[in-house]
Amino acid sequence: MTTDDREVLHQGKLLDELAKELHSDYLSDLRLPANRLSLIPLLNRMEPSLYSIKDWNDAISYILGERREFETQRDARKYLISQILSSGN
């Protein structure tokens, strides 16, 4: 299976996977300040290329409430982690 095949399998699943890993029934829990720091270890364990760049950009938009367009999954993940850390929540 190629990386492209894995991306197709996981496309649209990043937010769902993060909610599942937080043991949350609701995607909206990802936006709660109390849960944001808990996302850091989850994000660090994830292989960015398993999710499409659209998924990463959508996750940034949903979790942080800001629209950003990154060209690579690694850059998007790095930005998401840095923004969570810099906000302190």
PDB file of N, CA and C in Angstrom:
ATOM      1  N   MET A   1       0.860  -1.190   0.000  1.00  0.00           N
ATOM      2  CA  MET A   1       0.000   0.000   0.000  1.00  0.00           C
ATOM      3  C   MET A   1       0.896   1.240   0.000  1.00  0.00           C
ATOM      4  N   THR A   2       0.625   2.146  -0.893  1.00  0.00           N
ATOM      5  CA  THR A   2       1.421   3.364  -0.983  1.00  0.00           C
ATOM      6  C   THR A   2       0.891   4.417  -0.020  1.00  0.00           C
ATOM      7  N   THR A   3       1.684   5.459   0.183  1.00  0.00           N
ATOM      8  CA  THR A   3       1.240   6.567   1.036  1.00  0.00           C
ATOM      9  C   THR A   3      -0.039   7.172   0.492  1.00  0.00           C
ATOM     10  N   ASP A   4      -0.141   7.288  -0.849  1.00  0.00           N
ATOM     11  CA  ASP A   4      -1.357   7.840  -1.448  1.00  0.00           C
ATOM     12  C   ASP A   4      -2.574   6.992  -1.099  1.00  0.00           C
ATOM     13  N   ASP A   5      -2.416   5.668  -1.094  1.00  0.00           N
ATOM     14  CA  ASP A   5      -3.518   4.773  -0.725  1.00  0.00           C
ATOM     15  C   ASP A   5      -3.926   4.980   0.724  1.00  0.00           C
ATOM     16  N   ARG A   6      -2.950   5.142   1.602  1.00  0.00           N
ATOM     17  CA  ARG A   6      -3.266   5.356   3.016  1.00  0.00           C
ATOM     18  C   ARG A   6      -3.983   6.678   3.211  1.00  0.00           C
ATOM     19  N   GLU A   7      -3.575   7.701   2.450  1.00  0.00           N
ATOM     20  CA  GLU A   7      -4.257   8.995   2.553  1.00  0.00           C
ATOM     21  C   GLU A   7      -5.719   8.863   2.188  1.00  0.00           C
ATOM     22  N   VAL A   8      -6.006   8.096   1.156  1.00  0.00           N
ATOM     23  CA  VAL A   8      -7.395   7.906   0.743  1.00  0.00           C
ATOM     24  C   VAL A   8      -8.169   7.203   1.854  1.00  0.00           C
ATOM     25  N   LEU A   9      -7.549   6.224   2.495  1.00  0.00           N
ATOM     26  CA  LEU A   9      -8.222   5.502   3.572  1.00  0.00           C
ATOM     27  C   LEU A   9      -8.537   6.389   4.759  1.00  0.00           C
ATOM     28  N   HIS A  10      -7.663   7.343   5.059  1.00  0.00           N
ATOM     29  CA  HIS A  10      -7.822   8.189   6.232  1.00  0.00           C
ATOM     30  C   HIS A  10      -8.451   9.549   5.933  1.00  0.00           C
ATOM     31  N   GLN A  11      -8.688   9.849   4.670  1.00  0.00           N
ATOM     32  CA  GLN A  11      -9.192  11.170   4.318  1.00  0.00           C
ATOM     33  C   GLN A  11     -10.498  11.457   5.048  1.00  0.00           C
ATOM     34  N   GLY A  12     -10.571  12.636   5.654  1.00  0.00           N
ATOM     35  CA  GLY A  12     -11.776  13.026   6.378  1.00  0.00           C
ATOM     36  C   GLY A  12     -11.857  12.456   7.777  1.00  0.00           C
ATOM     37  N   LYS A  13     -10.796  11.807   8.228  1.00  0.00           N
ATOM     38  CA  LYS A  13     -10.838  11.107   9.505  1.00  0.00           C
ATOM     39  C   LYS A  13     -10.001  11.747  10.606  1.00  0.00           C
ATOM     40  N   LEU A  14      -9.238  12.790  10.323  1.00  0.00           N
ATOM     41  CA  LEU A  14      -8.338  13.351  11.328  1.00  0.00           C
ATOM     42  C   LEU A  14      -9.090  13.837  12.556  1.00  0.00           C
ATOM     43  N   LEU A  15     -10.093  14.652  12.380  1.00  0.00           N
ATOM     44  CA  LEU A  15     -10.850  15.158  13.528  1.00  0.00           C
ATOM     45  C   LEU A  15     -11.537  14.013  14.271  1.00  0.00           C
ATOM     46  N   ASP A  16     -12.079  13.065  13.533  1.00  0.00           N
ATOM     47  CA  ASP A  16     -12.712  11.902  14.166  1.00  0.00           C
ATOM     48  C   ASP A  16     -11.702  11.114  14.995  1.00  0.00           C
ATOM     49  N   GLU A  17     -10.510  10.932  14.443  1.00  0.00           N
ATOM     50  CA  GLU A  17      -9.469  10.182  15.152  1.00  0.00           C
ATOM     51  C   GLU A  17      -9.030  10.910  16.421  1.00  0.00           C
ATOM     52  N   LEU A  18      -8.880  12.214  16.349  1.00  0.00           N
ATOM     53  CA  LEU A  18      -8.497  12.978  17.542  1.00  0.00           C
ATOM     54  C   LEU A  18      -9.576  12.883  18.620  1.00  0.00           C
ATOM     55  N   ALA A  19     -10.832  13.001  18.230  1.00  0.00           N
ATOM     56  CA  ALA A  19     -11.933  12.889  19.201  1.00  0.00           C
ATOM     57  C   ALA A  19     -11.952  11.497  19.822  1.00  0.00           C
ATOM     58  N   LYS A  20     -11.749  10.491  19.007  1.00  0.00           N
ATOM     59  CA  LYS A  20     -11.734   9.110  19.508  1.00  0.00           C
ATOM     60  C   LYS A  20     -10.606   8.922  20.519  1.00  0.00           C
ATOM     61  N   GLU A  21      -9.426   9.430  20.186  1.00  0.00           N
ATOM     62  CA  GLU A  21      -8.271   9.291  21.076  1.00  0.00           C
ATOM     63  C   GLU A  21      -8.464  10.045  22.395  1.00  0.00           C
ATOM     64  N   LEU A  22      -9.261  11.111  22.366  1.00  0.00           N
ATOM     65  CA  LEU A  22      -9.577  11.851  23.597  1.00  0.00           C
ATOM     66  C   LEU A  22     -10.723  11.197  24.370  1.00  0.00           C
ATOM     67  N   HIS A  23     -11.256  10.102  23.817  1.00  0.00           N
ATOM     68  CA  HIS A  23     -12.412   9.401  24.403  1.00  0.00           C
ATOM     69  C   HIS A  23     -13.616  10.325  24.485  1.00  0.00           C
ATOM     70  N   SER A  24     -13.813  11.085  23.431  1.00  0.00           N
ATOM     71  CA  SER A  24     -14.899  12.047  23.369  1.00  0.00           C
ATOM     72  C   SER A  24     -15.944  11.599  22.349  1.00  0.00           C
ATOM     73  N   ASP A  25     -17.190  11.813  22.673  1.00  0.00           N
ATOM     74  CA  ASP A  25     -18.276  11.480  21.758  1.00  0.00           C
ATOM     75  C   ASP A  25     -18.558  12.614  20.781  1.00  0.00           C
ATOM     76  N   TYR A  26     -18.007  13.789  21.040  1.00  0.00           N
ATOM     77  CA  TYR A  26     -18.336  14.972  20.253  1.00  0.00           C
ATOM     78  C   TYR A  26     -17.088  15.648  19.709  1.00  0.00           C
ATOM     79  N   LEU A  27     -17.116  15.963  18.428  1.00  0.00           N
ATOM     80  CA  LEU A  27     -16.005  16.704  17.833  1.00  0.00           C
ATOM     81  C   LEU A  27     -15.820  18.055  18.502  1.00  0.00           C
ATOM     82  N   SER A  28     -16.903  18.656  18.936  1.00  0.00           N
ATOM     83  CA  SER A  28     -16.820  19.982  19.543  1.00  0.00           C
ATOM     84  C   SER A  28     -15.947  19.990  20.797  1.00  0.00           C
ATOM     85  N   ASP A  29     -15.739  18.831  21.414  1.00  0.00           N
ATOM     86  CA  ASP A  29     -14.855  18.768  22.580  1.00  0.00           C
ATOM     87  C   ASP A  29     -13.413  19.106  22.222  1.00  0.00           C
ATOM     88  N   LEU A  30     -13.056  18.956  20.956  1.00  0.00           N
ATOM     89  CA  LEU A  30     -11.697  19.298  20.521  1.00  0.00           C
ATOM     90  C   LEU A  30     -11.429  20.789  20.647  1.00  0.00           C
ATOM     91  N   ARG A  31     -12.477  21.575  20.655  1.00  0.00           N
ATOM     92  CA  ARG A  31     -12.335  23.032  20.738  1.00  0.00           C
ATOM     93  C   ARG A  31     -12.220  23.534  22.174  1.00  0.00           C
ATOM     94  N   LEU A  32     -12.539  22.702  23.133  1.00  0.00           N
ATOM     95  CA  LEU A  32     -12.515  23.132  24.532  1.00  0.00           C
ATOM     96  C   LEU A  32     -11.087  23.384  24.997  1.00  0.00           C
ATOM     97  N   PRO A  33     -10.863  24.540  25.597  1.00  0.00           N
ATOM     98  CA  PRO A  33      -9.516  24.841  26.090  1.00  0.00           C
ATOM     99  C   PRO A  33      -8.956  23.745  27.004  1.00  0.00           C
ATOM    100  N   ALA A  34      -9.805  23.137  27.801  1.00  0.00           N
ATOM    101  CA  ALA A  34      -9.341  22.095  28.719  1.00  0.00           C
ATOM    102  C   ALA A  34      -8.806  20.864  27.983  1.00  0.00           C
ATOM    103  N   ASN A  35      -9.219  20.651  26.749  1.00  0.00           N
ATOM    104  CA  ASN A  35      -8.784  19.478  25.995  1.00  0.00           C
ATOM    105  C   ASN A  35      -7.619  19.747  25.060  1.00  0.00           C
ATOM    106  N   ARG A  36      -7.338  20.982  24.788  1.00  0.00           N
ATOM    107  CA  ARG A  36      -6.320  21.292  23.778  1.00  0.00           C
ATOM    108  C   ARG A  36      -4.945  20.741  24.103  1.00  0.00           C
ATOM    109  N   LEU A  37      -4.485  20.915  25.339  1.00  0.00           N
ATOM    110  CA  LEU A  37      -3.163  20.396  25.686  1.00  0.00           C
ATOM    111  C   LEU A  37      -3.105  18.880  25.584  1.00  0.00           C
ATOM    112  N   SER A  38      -4.227  18.225  25.791  1.00  0.00           N
ATOM    113  CA  SER A  38      -4.278  16.767  25.650  1.00  0.00           C
ATOM    114  C   SER A  38      -4.081  16.328  24.202  1.00  0.00           C
ATOM    115  N   LEU A  39      -4.281  17.235  23.274  1.00  0.00           N
ATOM    116  CA  LEU A  39      -4.086  16.909  21.862  1.00  0.00           C
ATOM    117  C   LEU A  39      -2.607  16.791  21.487  1.00  0.00           C
ATOM    118  N   ILE A  40      -1.738  17.460  22.229  1.00  0.00           N
ATOM    119  CA  ILE A  40      -0.319  17.515  21.871  1.00  0.00           C
ATOM    120  C   ILE A  40       0.305  16.122  21.734  1.00  0.00           C
ATOM    121  N   PRO A  41       0.205  15.259  22.746  1.00  0.00           N
ATOM    122  CA  PRO A  41       0.821  13.934  22.571  1.00  0.00           C
ATOM    123  C   PRO A  41       0.175  13.121  21.448  1.00  0.00           C
ATOM    124  N   LEU A  42      -1.110  13.306  21.252  1.00  0.00           N
ATOM    125  CA  LEU A  42      -1.791  12.604  20.164  1.00  0.00           C
ATOM    126  C   LEU A  42      -1.258  13.059  18.816  1.00  0.00           C
ATOM    127  N   LEU A  43      -1.136  14.354  18.654  1.00  0.00           N
ATOM    128  CA  LEU A  43      -0.625  14.911  17.400  1.00  0.00           C
ATOM    129  C   LEU A  43       0.819  14.494  17.161  1.00  0.00           C
ATOM    130  N   ASN A  44       1.619  14.462  18.214  1.00  0.00           N
ATOM    131  CA  ASN A  44       3.022  14.070  18.077  1.00  0.00           C
ATOM    132  C   ASN A  44       3.172  12.610  17.653  1.00  0.00           C
ATOM    133  N   ARG A  45       2.251  11.762  18.062  1.00  0.00           N
ATOM    134  CA  ARG A  45       2.305  10.343  17.700  1.00  0.00           C
ATOM    135  C   ARG A  45       1.810  10.066  16.284  1.00  0.00           C
ATOM    136  N   MET A  46       1.014  10.955  15.741  1.00  0.00           N
ATOM    137  CA  MET A  46       0.412  10.724  14.423  1.00  0.00           C
ATOM    138  C   MET A  46       1.421  10.895  13.301  1.00  0.00           C
ATOM    139  N   GLU A  47       1.297  10.061  12.304  1.00  0.00           N
ATOM    140  CA  GLU A  47       2.083  10.224  11.084  1.00  0.00           C
ATOM    141  C   GLU A  47       1.310  11.194  10.200  1.00  0.00           C
ATOM    142  N   PRO A  48       1.835  12.402   9.995  1.00  0.00           N
ATOM    143  CA  PRO A  48       1.091  13.421   9.256  1.00  0.00           C
ATOM    144  C   PRO A  48       0.636  12.988   7.871  1.00  0.00           C
ATOM    145  N   SER A  49       1.456  12.193   7.190  1.00  0.00           N
ATOM    146  CA  SER A  49       1.124  11.820   5.812  1.00  0.00           C
ATOM    147  C   SER A  49      -0.062  10.863   5.709  1.00  0.00           C
ATOM    148  N   LEU A  50      -0.520  10.324   6.820  1.00  0.00           N
ATOM    149  CA  LEU A  50      -1.682   9.432   6.781  1.00  0.00           C
ATOM    150  C   LEU A  50      -2.992  10.186   6.586  1.00  0.00           C
ATOM    151  N   TYR A  51      -2.927  11.493   6.728  1.00  0.00           N
ATOM    152  CA  TYR A  51      -4.117  12.332   6.576  1.00  0.00           C
ATOM    153  C   TYR A  51      -3.836  13.371   5.505  1.00  0.00           C
ATOM    154  N   SER A  52      -4.840  13.709   4.752  1.00  0.00           N
ATOM    155  CA  SER A  52      -4.660  14.659   3.648  1.00  0.00           C
ATOM    156  C   SER A  52      -4.355  16.064   4.170  1.00  0.00           C
ATOM    157  N   ILE A  53      -3.754  16.861   3.318  1.00  0.00           N
ATOM    158  CA  ILE A  53      -3.487  18.251   3.693  1.00  0.00           C
ATOM    159  C   ILE A  53      -4.796  18.982   3.953  1.00  0.00           C
ATOM    160  N   LYS A  54      -5.840  18.616   3.229  1.00  0.00           N
ATOM    161  CA  LYS A  54      -7.153  19.213   3.480  1.00  0.00           C
ATOM    162  C   LYS A  54      -7.611  18.899   4.906  1.00  0.00           C
ATOM    163  N   ASP A  55      -7.428  17.671   5.349  1.00  0.00           N
ATOM    164  CA  ASP A  55      -7.800  17.303   6.721  1.00  0.00           C
ATOM    165  C   ASP A  55      -7.028  18.129   7.750  1.00  0.00           C
ATOM    166  N   TRP A  56      -5.738  18.295   7.515  1.00  0.00           N
ATOM    167  CA  TRP A  56      -4.930  19.082   8.447  1.00  0.00           C
ATOM    168  C   TRP A  56      -5.369  20.540   8.463  1.00  0.00           C
ATOM    169  N   ASN A  57      -5.578  21.108   7.294  1.00  0.00           N
ATOM    170  CA  ASN A  57      -6.037  22.501   7.223  1.00  0.00           C
ATOM    171  C   ASN A  57      -7.412  22.653   7.870  1.00  0.00           C
ATOM    172  N   ASP A  58      -8.293  21.683   7.645  1.00  0.00           N
ATOM    173  CA  ASP A  58      -9.622  21.719   8.276  1.00  0.00           C
ATOM    174  C   ASP A  58      -9.527  21.593   9.791  1.00  0.00           C
ATOM    175  N   ALA A  59      -8.608  20.751  10.279  1.00  0.00           N
ATOM    176  CA  ALA A  59      -8.431  20.581  11.720  1.00  0.00           C
ATOM    177  C   ALA A  59      -7.964  21.889  12.357  1.00  0.00           C
ATOM    178  N   ILE A  60      -7.041  22.574  11.706  1.00  0.00           N
ATOM    179  CA  ILE A  60      -6.576  23.872  12.206  1.00  0.00           C
ATOM    180  C   ILE A  60      -7.739  24.849  12.268  1.00  0.00           C
ATOM    181  N   SER A  61      -8.507  24.877  11.217  1.00  0.00           N
ATOM    182  CA  SER A  61      -9.661  25.769  11.169  1.00  0.00           C
ATOM    183  C   SER A  61     -10.659  25.448  12.277  1.00  0.00           C
ATOM    184  N   TYR A  62     -10.949  24.173  12.453  1.00  0.00           N
ATOM    185  CA  TYR A  62     -11.953  23.767  13.432  1.00  0.00           C
ATOM    186  C   TYR A  62     -11.467  23.965  14.872  1.00  0.00           C
ATOM    187  N   ILE A  63     -10.270  23.499  15.166  1.00  0.00           N
ATOM    188  CA  ILE A  63      -9.765  23.539  16.540  1.00  0.00           C
ATOM    189  C   ILE A  63      -9.351  24.945  16.961  1.00  0.00           C
ATOM    190  N   LEU A  64      -8.653  25.643  16.082  1.00  0.00           N
ATOM    191  CA  LEU A  64      -8.139  26.967  16.440  1.00  0.00           C
ATOM    192  C   LEU A  64      -9.073  28.108  16.052  1.00  0.00           C
ATOM    193  N   GLY A  65     -10.001  27.835  15.154  1.00  0.00           N
ATOM    194  CA  GLY A  65     -10.917  28.876  14.711  1.00  0.00           C
ATOM    195  C   GLY A  65     -10.287  29.872  13.760  1.00  0.00           C
ATOM    196  N   GLU A  66      -9.267  29.428  13.042  1.00  0.00           N
ATOM    197  CA  GLU A  66      -8.616  30.308  12.060  1.00  0.00           C
ATOM    198  C   GLU A  66      -8.354  29.519  10.785  1.00  0.00           C
ATOM    199  N   ARG A  67      -8.512  30.182   9.688  1.00  0.00           N
ATOM    200  CA  ARG A  67      -8.323  29.514   8.399  1.00  0.00           C
ATOM    201  C   ARG A  67      -6.885  29.684   7.949  1.00  0.00           C
ATOM    202  N   ARG A  68      -6.204  28.578   7.752  1.00  0.00           N
ATOM    203  CA  ARG A  68      -4.827  28.563   7.255  1.00  0.00           C
ATOM    204  C   ARG A  68      -4.734  27.521   6.167  1.00  0.00           C
ATOM    205  N   GLU A  69      -3.869  27.761   5.226  1.00  0.00           N
ATOM    206  CA  GLU A  69      -3.650  26.807   4.142  1.00  0.00           C
ATOM    207  C   GLU A  69      -2.165  26.456   4.092  1.00  0.00           C
ATOM    208  N   PHE A  70      -1.844  25.256   4.489  1.00  0.00           N
ATOM    209  CA  PHE A  70      -0.468  24.775   4.438  1.00  0.00           C
ATOM    210  C   PHE A  70      -0.294  23.880   3.232  1.00  0.00           C
ATOM    211  N   GLU A  71       0.939  23.742   2.791  1.00  0.00           N
ATOM    212  CA  GLU A  71       1.225  22.907   1.624  1.00  0.00           C
ATOM    213  C   GLU A  71       1.598  21.492   2.002  1.00  0.00           C
ATOM    214  N   THR A  72       2.092  21.302   3.229  1.00  0.00           N
ATOM    215  CA  THR A  72       2.462  19.951   3.650  1.00  0.00           C
ATOM    216  C   THR A  72       1.769  19.614   4.971  1.00  0.00           C
ATOM    217  N   GLN A  73       1.544  18.331   5.151  1.00  0.00           N
ATOM    218  CA  GLN A  73       0.925  17.859   6.384  1.00  0.00           C
ATOM    219  C   GLN A  73       1.835  18.134   7.579  1.00  0.00           C
ATOM    220  N   ARG A  74       3.126  17.951   7.410  1.00  0.00           N
ATOM    221  CA  ARG A  74       4.069  18.184   8.517  1.00  0.00           C
ATOM    222  C   ARG A  74       4.044  19.640   8.972  1.00  0.00           C
ATOM    223  N   ASP A  75       4.007  20.565   8.029  1.00  0.00           N
ATOM    224  CA  ASP A  75       3.941  21.981   8.392  1.00  0.00           C
ATOM    225  C   ASP A  75       2.640  22.302   9.122  1.00  0.00           C
ATOM    226  N   ALA A  76       1.555  21.717   8.670  1.00  0.00           N
ATOM    227  CA  ALA A  76       0.258  21.958   9.304  1.00  0.00           C
ATOM    228  C   ALA A  76       0.250  21.413  10.729  1.00  0.00           C
ATOM    229  N   ARG A  77       0.757  20.184  10.915  1.00  0.00           N
ATOM    230  CA  ARG A  77       0.806  19.598  12.259  1.00  0.00           C
ATOM    231  C   ARG A  77       1.691  20.440  13.175  1.00  0.00           C
ATOM    232  N   LYS A  78       2.837  20.841  12.669  1.00  0.00           N
ATOM    233  CA  LYS A  78       3.765  21.664  13.462  1.00  0.00           C
ATOM    234  C   LYS A  78       3.086  22.971  13.896  1.00  0.00           C
ATOM    235  N   TYR A  79       2.373  23.596  12.978  1.00  0.00           N
ATOM    236  CA  TYR A  79       1.678  24.843  13.303  1.00  0.00           C
ATOM    237  C   TYR A  79       0.586  24.613  14.351  1.00  0.00           C
ATOM    238  N   LEU A  80      -0.205  23.573  14.181  1.00  0.00           N
ATOM    239  CA  LEU A  80      -1.274  23.278  15.132  1.00  0.00           C
ATOM    240  C   LEU A  80      -0.706  23.065  16.533  1.00  0.00           C
ATOM    241  N   ILE A  81       0.338  22.285  16.630  1.00  0.00           N
ATOM    242  CA  ILE A  81       0.970  22.039  17.928  1.00  0.00           C
ATOM    243  C   ILE A  81       1.515  23.341  18.514  1.00  0.00           C
ATOM    244  N   SER A  82       2.196  24.125  17.706  1.00  0.00           N
ATOM    245  CA  SER A  82       2.788  25.369  18.217  1.00  0.00           C
ATOM    246  C   SER A  82       1.728  26.338  18.697  1.00  0.00           C
ATOM    247  N   GLN A  83       0.614  26.427  18.007  1.00  0.00           N
ATOM    248  CA  GLN A  83      -0.453  27.342  18.408  1.00  0.00           C
ATOM    249  C   GLN A  83      -1.129  26.868  19.695  1.00  0.00           C
ATOM    250  N   ILE A  84      -1.305  25.594  19.846  1.00  0.00           N
ATOM    251  CA  ILE A  84      -1.876  25.075  21.100  1.00  0.00           C
ATOM    252  C   ILE A  84      -0.938  25.372  22.252  1.00  0.00           C
ATOM    253  N   LEU A  85       0.353  25.126  22.052  1.00  0.00           N
ATOM    254  CA  LEU A  85       1.340  25.380  23.106  1.00  0.00           C
ATOM    255  C   LEU A  85       1.441  26.866  23.444  1.00  0.00           C
ATOM    256  N   SER A  86       1.402  27.712  22.429  1.00  0.00           N
ATOM    257  CA  SER A  86       1.557  29.143  22.688  1.00  0.00           C
ATOM    258  C   SER A  86       0.319  29.748  23.354  1.00  0.00           C
ATOM    259  N   SER A  87      -0.826  29.126  23.129  1.00  0.00           N
ATOM    260  CA  SER A  87      -2.038  29.638  23.772  1.00  0.00           C
ATOM    261  C   SER A  87      -2.143  29.166  25.212  1.00  0.00           C
ATOM    262  N   GLY A  88      -1.383  28.122  25.543  1.00  0.00           N
ATOM    263  CA  GLY A  88      -1.411  27.619  26.918  1.00  0.00           C
ATOM    264  C   GLY A  88      -2.665  26.856  27.267  1.00  0.00           C
ATOM    265  N   ASN A  89      -3.529  26.622  26.251  1.00  0.00           N
ATOM    266  CA  ASN A  89      -4.732  25.824  26.524  1.00  0.00           C
ATOM    267  C   ASN A  89      -5.149  25.062  25.309  1.00  0.00           C
TER     268      ASN A  89
END
